[in-house]
Amino acid sequence: MNITSTLPGGSWTLGDDTVARFGYGAMQLAGPWVMGPPADRGGALAVLQAAVAAGITHIDTSDAYGPRFTNQLIHEALHPYPESLLIATKVGANRDEEGGWPVARHPQDLRQQVHENLESLGVEVLDLVNMRMGDAQGPQVGPIAEAFGTLVELQKEGLIRHLGVSNVTAEQVGEARSIGEIVCVQNMYNLAHRHDDELIDHLAADGIAYVPFFPLGGFTPLQSQALSTVADRVGTTPMSVALAWLLRRSPNILLIPGTSSSDHLHENIAGAGTALSSQDLADLDSIAN
């Protein structure tokens, strides 16, 4: 897949694919707390179609969202998929009736999840599968070899094209790379949570993408006087500044902000293109400090 995009940030190469750095995260298409169907099914289908029409070539999802509802929406809205579109999914957790995310990383669990993603997305091969580690509190120290090794086996069987890791420590990234090739790391990262600064720079040097989830703060949006001040100065919203800063932070950062609104999608795209001065960047850096 090779693309030319006018989206902010240009493009990045994932393995043998080139994707726009501005992508789309599908988690918000499910119901409250990422459970059940969307309140507005038509609106959910429309935002997916609007994303592709805008030039987005990287959609992030998981069969655990809903569960299954988000993947089914992607299939309904976009299948047969454009050749330029890369759909990334993740495995390593299931859902319980209370909305929890119980760990599911035994080899048989992972194989089942990969086949469920294949079925719900309606494909014979998954473009990119991220091995999700840790828990809802963040990355947790521990081995990744058995779980990631299972995905490497599935890749060799022809069911997965590219592999990545998610919610991981730097040590787990290194362990995964000793077992197989990864094209991306997906962790929580934003203006206020910059624990992965050193990791991002190391990955960039090696040509590996970094995909921040919760780029706008997650379920609790970023709140900062410095962020608001910069947003007022450049004449946009704090959320636009936060996205624009991420694109400026490093060329290997790929954005996947989520929304269930087509209007909000276009606002995010426009906002990510906001120009930031050296003074703006210095003020924003002070948030983490």
Protein backbone atom coordinates (compact mmCIF):
# COMPACT_ATOMS: atom_id res chain seq x y z
CA MET A 1 0.00 0.00 0.00
CA ASN A 2 1.37 3.39 -0.95
CA ILE A 3 -0.53 6.62 -0.51
CA THR A 4 -0.26 10.33 -1.10
CA SER A 5 -2.16 12.30 1.52
CA THR A 6 -2.87 15.96 2.15
CA LEU A 7 -3.64 15.24 5.79
CA PRO A 8 -1.47 17.06 8.36
CA GLY A 9 1.80 15.36 9.23
CA GLY A 10 2.49 13.63 5.94
CA SER A 11 3.11 9.88 5.95
CA TRP A 12 5.11 7.10 7.61
CA THR A 13 6.11 3.63 6.48
CA LEU A 14 4.87 0.61 8.44
CA GLY A 15 6.76 -2.38 7.11
CA ASP A 16 6.02 -2.30 3.39
CA ASP A 17 2.99 -0.01 3.79
CA THR A 18 2.89 3.77 3.73
CA VAL A 19 0.12 5.34 5.80
CA ALA A 20 -0.96 8.88 6.58
CA ARG A 21 0.33 9.92 10.00
CA PHE A 22 -3.16 11.19 10.86
CA GLY A 23 -5.30 8.11 11.42
CA TYR A 24 -8.51 7.22 13.19
CA GLY A 25 -9.22 5.28 16.39
CA ALA A 26 -12.52 3.39 16.30
CA MET A 27 -12.99 2.70 20.02
CA GLN A 28 -15.56 5.47 20.50
CA LEU A 29 -17.88 3.90 17.94
CA ALA A 30 -19.09 1.38 20.51
CA GLY A 31 -21.61 2.21 23.23
CA PRO A 32 -20.85 3.73 26.66
CA TRP A 33 -17.65 2.40 28.25
CA VAL A 34 -16.89 0.67 24.94
CA MET A 35 -19.75 -1.78 25.47
CA GLY A 36 -22.70 -2.54 23.23
CA PRO A 37 -23.79 -0.95 19.95
CA PRO A 38 -23.54 2.78 19.19
CA ALA A 39 -26.48 5.03 20.00
CA ASP A 40 -26.39 6.30 16.41
CA ARG A 41 -25.50 3.46 14.06
CA GLY A 42 -25.93 5.60 10.96
CA GLY A 43 -23.63 8.25 12.40
CA ALA A 44 -21.01 5.61 13.23
CA LEU A 45 -21.04 4.29 9.67
CA ALA A 46 -20.88 7.85 8.32
CA VAL A 47 -17.81 8.82 10.34
CA LEU A 48 -15.91 5.75 9.10
CA GLN A 49 -16.76 6.62 5.52
CA ALA A 50 -15.84 10.26 6.13
CA ALA A 51 -12.46 9.19 7.51
CA VAL A 52 -11.56 7.26 4.38
CA ALA A 53 -12.93 10.02 2.15
CA ALA A 54 -10.66 12.49 3.96
CA GLY A 55 -7.60 10.43 3.08
CA ILE A 56 -7.13 8.51 6.32
CA THR A 57 -5.38 5.20 5.61
CA HIS A 58 -4.84 3.86 9.16
CA ILE A 59 -7.78 2.77 11.31
CA ASP A 60 -7.19 1.32 14.77
CA THR A 61 -9.69 -1.13 16.24
CA SER A 62 -10.14 -4.31 18.29
CA ASP A 63 -12.72 -7.06 18.41
CA ALA A 64 -12.89 -6.37 22.16
CA TYR A 65 -14.55 -3.01 21.43
CA GLY A 66 -18.25 -3.64 21.91
CA PRO A 67 -17.25 -6.48 21.88
CA ARG A 68 -17.36 -7.10 18.10
CA PHE A 69 -19.59 -4.12 17.35
CA THR A 70 -16.78 -1.82 16.23
CA ASN A 71 -15.26 -4.35 13.83
CA GLN A 72 -18.70 -5.12 12.44
CA LEU A 73 -19.30 -1.41 11.81
CA ILE A 74 -15.97 -1.12 10.00
CA HIS A 75 -16.89 -4.09 7.84
CA GLU A 76 -20.34 -2.71 7.05
CA ALA A 77 -19.10 0.79 6.27
CA LEU A 78 -15.92 0.07 4.32
CA HIS A 79 -15.80 -3.50 2.97
CA PRO A 80 -14.46 -4.23 0.40
CA TYR A 81 -11.62 -2.18 1.83
CA PRO A 82 -9.63 0.28 -0.27
CA GLU A 83 -6.19 -1.05 -1.15
CA SER A 84 -4.64 1.96 0.60
CA LEU A 85 -6.36 1.24 3.95
CA LEU A 86 -4.46 -0.45 6.78
CA ILE A 87 -6.60 -1.75 9.65
CA ALA A 88 -4.75 -2.35 12.92
CA THR A 89 -6.31 -4.46 15.62
CA LYS A 90 -5.14 -5.77 18.99
CA VAL A 91 -5.40 -8.90 21.09
CA GLY A 92 -4.62 -9.85 24.68
CA ALA A 93 -7.85 -9.06 26.52
CA ASN A 94 -11.51 -10.03 26.45
CA ARG A 95 -14.57 -8.28 27.90
CA ASP A 96 -16.74 -9.35 30.80
CA GLU A 97 -20.38 -8.51 31.52
CA GLU A 98 -19.35 -5.70 33.87
CA GLY A 99 -17.35 -3.98 31.13
CA GLY A 100 -13.96 -5.13 32.46
CA TRP A 101 -10.98 -6.15 30.34
CA PRO A 102 -9.84 -9.56 31.69
CA VAL A 103 -6.45 -10.67 30.44
CA ALA A 104 -6.51 -13.37 27.73
CA ARG A 105 -2.95 -14.09 26.64
CA HIS A 106 -2.62 -17.86 26.59
CA PRO A 107 -1.74 -19.15 23.11
CA GLN A 108 -5.21 -20.61 22.58
CA ASP A 109 -6.82 -17.31 23.65
CA LEU A 110 -4.70 -15.33 21.21
CA ARG A 111 -5.38 -17.71 18.35
CA GLN A 112 -9.10 -17.44 19.01
CA GLN A 113 -8.94 -13.63 19.13
CA VAL A 114 -7.03 -13.47 15.84
CA HIS A 115 -9.65 -15.67 14.15
CA GLU A 116 -12.47 -13.58 15.65
CA ASN A 117 -10.88 -10.41 14.24
CA LEU A 118 -10.50 -12.08 10.84
CA GLU A 119 -14.18 -13.05 10.89
CA SER A 120 -15.63 -9.75 12.09
CA LEU A 121 -13.50 -7.66 9.74
CA GLY A 122 -14.19 -10.02 6.84
CA VAL A 123 -10.58 -10.56 5.78
CA GLU A 124 -8.27 -13.54 5.27
CA VAL A 125 -5.19 -11.76 6.61
CA LEU A 126 -4.97 -9.06 9.30
CA ASP A 127 -2.87 -6.04 8.29
CA LEU A 128 -1.46 -5.34 11.75
CA VAL A 129 -2.00 -6.97 15.14
CA ASN A 130 -0.80 -5.35 18.36
CA MET A 131 -0.04 -7.57 21.36
CA ARG A 132 -1.69 -5.78 24.30
CA MET A 133 0.07 -6.22 27.62
CA GLY A 134 -0.39 -4.63 31.07
CA ASP A 135 -3.84 -3.75 32.34
CA ALA A 136 -6.19 -0.78 32.64
CA GLN A 137 -3.68 0.91 34.95
CA GLY A 138 -0.94 0.83 32.32
CA PRO A 139 2.09 -1.31 31.44
CA GLN A 140 3.11 -3.97 33.94
CA VAL A 141 6.56 -5.53 34.27
CA GLY A 142 6.64 -9.13 33.07
CA PRO A 143 7.63 -11.42 30.17
CA ILE A 144 6.09 -10.98 26.74
CA ALA A 145 7.81 -13.91 25.03
CA GLU A 146 5.03 -16.53 25.10
CA ALA A 147 2.27 -14.16 24.03
CA PHE A 148 4.22 -12.35 21.34
CA GLY A 149 5.74 -15.61 20.16
CA THR A 150 2.23 -16.91 19.48
CA LEU A 151 1.56 -13.94 17.19
CA VAL A 152 4.86 -14.56 15.40
CA GLU A 153 3.66 -18.12 14.75
CA LEU A 154 0.36 -16.82 13.37
CA GLN A 155 2.29 -14.39 11.19
CA LYS A 156 4.33 -17.28 9.79
CA GLU A 157 1.07 -19.11 9.12
CA GLY A 158 0.01 -16.20 6.90
CA LEU A 159 -2.80 -14.82 9.10
CA ILE A 160 -1.01 -11.58 10.07
CA ARG A 161 1.11 -9.23 7.95
CA HIS A 162 2.64 -6.89 10.55
CA LEU A 163 3.07 -7.05 14.33
CA GLY A 164 3.20 -4.42 17.06
CA VAL A 165 3.01 -4.18 20.84
CA SER A 166 0.72 -2.11 23.06
CA ASN A 167 0.64 -0.95 26.69
CA VAL A 168 4.23 -2.09 27.20
CA THR A 169 7.42 -1.16 29.00
CA ALA A 170 10.61 -0.36 27.12
CA GLU A 171 12.02 -3.69 28.30
CA GLN A 172 9.06 -5.55 26.81
CA VAL A 173 9.62 -3.72 23.52
CA GLY A 174 13.18 -4.99 23.47
CA GLU A 175 12.08 -8.53 24.33
CA ALA A 176 9.49 -8.53 21.55
CA ARG A 177 12.04 -7.27 19.05
CA SER A 178 14.35 -10.15 19.96
CA ILE A 179 11.59 -12.58 18.94
CA GLY A 180 10.15 -10.98 15.81
CA GLU A 181 9.93 -7.75 13.85
CA ILE A 182 7.60 -5.02 15.10
CA VAL A 183 6.43 -2.02 13.09
CA CYS A 184 4.86 -0.03 15.93
CA VAL A 185 4.48 0.53 19.65
CA GLN A 186 1.11 1.72 20.95
CA ASN A 187 1.16 3.28 24.43
CA MET A 188 -0.58 6.04 26.33
CA TYR A 189 1.23 9.31 25.63
CA ASN A 190 0.25 12.96 25.43
CA LEU A 191 1.36 16.43 26.53
CA ALA A 192 0.90 15.60 30.20
CA HIS A 193 2.08 11.96 30.14
CA ARG A 194 5.55 11.85 28.59
CA HIS A 195 7.13 8.83 30.25
CA ASP A 196 7.94 7.35 26.82
CA ASP A 197 10.02 10.28 25.51
CA GLU A 198 13.25 8.28 25.39
CA LEU A 199 11.52 5.24 23.89
CA ILE A 200 9.96 7.35 21.13
CA ASP A 201 13.33 8.71 20.10
CA HIS A 202 14.92 5.24 20.05
CA LEU A 203 12.07 3.85 17.96
CA ALA A 204 12.29 6.76 15.50
CA ALA A 205 15.97 6.07 14.98
CA ASP A 206 15.11 2.45 14.12
CA GLY A 207 12.21 3.33 11.80
CA ILE A 208 9.50 2.02 14.14
CA ALA A 209 6.25 3.94 14.58
CA TYR A 210 4.87 5.10 17.92
CA VAL A 211 1.08 5.31 18.17
CA PRO A 212 -0.16 7.24 21.24
CA PHE A 213 -3.54 6.26 22.58
CA PHE A 214 -5.49 8.79 24.63
CA PRO A 215 -3.68 11.61 22.75
CA LEU A 216 -6.20 14.07 24.18
CA GLY A 217 -6.14 12.73 27.73
CA GLY A 218 -8.62 9.86 27.41
CA PHE A 219 -11.91 9.82 29.27
CA THR A 220 -10.69 12.89 31.23
CA PRO A 221 -9.63 15.52 28.66
CA LEU A 222 -6.35 17.35 29.17
CA GLN A 223 -6.68 20.38 31.42
CA SER A 224 -3.78 22.83 31.56
CA GLN A 225 -3.48 26.59 31.80
CA ALA A 226 -0.40 26.49 29.55
CA LEU A 227 -2.33 24.50 26.95
CA SER A 228 -5.26 26.91 27.09
CA THR A 229 -2.92 29.90 26.80
CA VAL A 230 -1.25 28.53 23.67
CA ALA A 231 -4.64 27.64 22.17
CA ASP A 232 -5.89 31.20 22.74
CA ARG A 233 -2.70 32.62 21.24
CA VAL A 234 -2.96 30.60 18.02
CA GLY A 235 -6.74 30.92 17.83
CA THR A 236 -7.82 27.30 18.15
CA THR A 237 -8.90 24.76 20.76
CA PRO A 238 -6.71 23.05 23.37
CA MET A 239 -7.45 19.70 21.77
CA SER A 240 -6.24 20.95 18.38
CA VAL A 241 -3.01 22.15 19.95
CA ALA A 242 -2.51 18.80 21.69
CA LEU A 243 -2.81 16.95 18.36
CA ALA A 244 -0.58 19.43 16.52
CA TRP A 245 2.06 19.08 19.24
CA LEU A 246 2.11 15.29 18.85
CA LEU A 247 2.75 15.57 15.11
CA ARG A 248 5.61 17.98 15.85
CA ARG A 249 7.02 15.83 18.66
CA SER A 250 8.55 13.15 16.40
CA PRO A 251 8.11 12.05 12.77
CA ASN A 252 7.35 8.46 13.82
CA ILE A 253 4.25 9.41 15.84
CA LEU A 254 1.01 8.27 14.20
CA LEU A 255 -2.22 9.81 15.50
CA ILE A 256 -5.41 7.82 16.08
CA PRO A 257 -7.83 10.28 17.73
CA GLY A 258 -11.31 8.82 17.98
CA THR A 259 -14.74 10.34 17.57
CA SER A 260 -18.25 9.24 16.68
CA SER A 261 -18.99 12.54 14.89
CA SER A 262 -18.04 13.38 11.31
CA ASP A 263 -17.94 17.08 12.18
CA HIS A 264 -15.58 16.40 15.07
CA LEU A 265 -13.43 14.24 12.80
CA HIS A 266 -12.91 17.15 10.43
CA GLU A 267 -12.24 19.48 13.37
CA ASN A 268 -9.52 17.10 14.56
CA ILE A 269 -7.95 16.96 11.10
CA ALA A 270 -7.92 20.75 10.78
CA GLY A 271 -6.69 21.19 14.34
CA ALA A 272 -3.76 18.80 13.89
CA GLY A 273 -2.48 21.10 11.15
CA THR A 274 -2.21 24.07 13.52
CA ALA A 275 1.14 25.85 13.19
CA LEU A 276 3.08 26.11 16.47
CA SER A 277 5.94 28.53 17.07
CA SER A 278 9.09 27.81 19.08
CA GLN A 279 7.55 29.77 21.95
CA ASP A 280 4.36 27.70 21.72
CA LEU A 281 6.40 24.50 21.86
CA ALA A 282 8.44 25.72 24.84
CA ASP A 283 5.26 26.62 26.72
CA LEU A 284 3.73 23.23 25.94
CA ASP A 285 6.86 21.40 27.08
CA SER A 286 6.44 23.05 30.46
CA ILE A 287 3.24 21.05 31.05
CA ALA A 288 5.14 17.80 31.63
CA ASN A 289 7.93 19.54 33.53
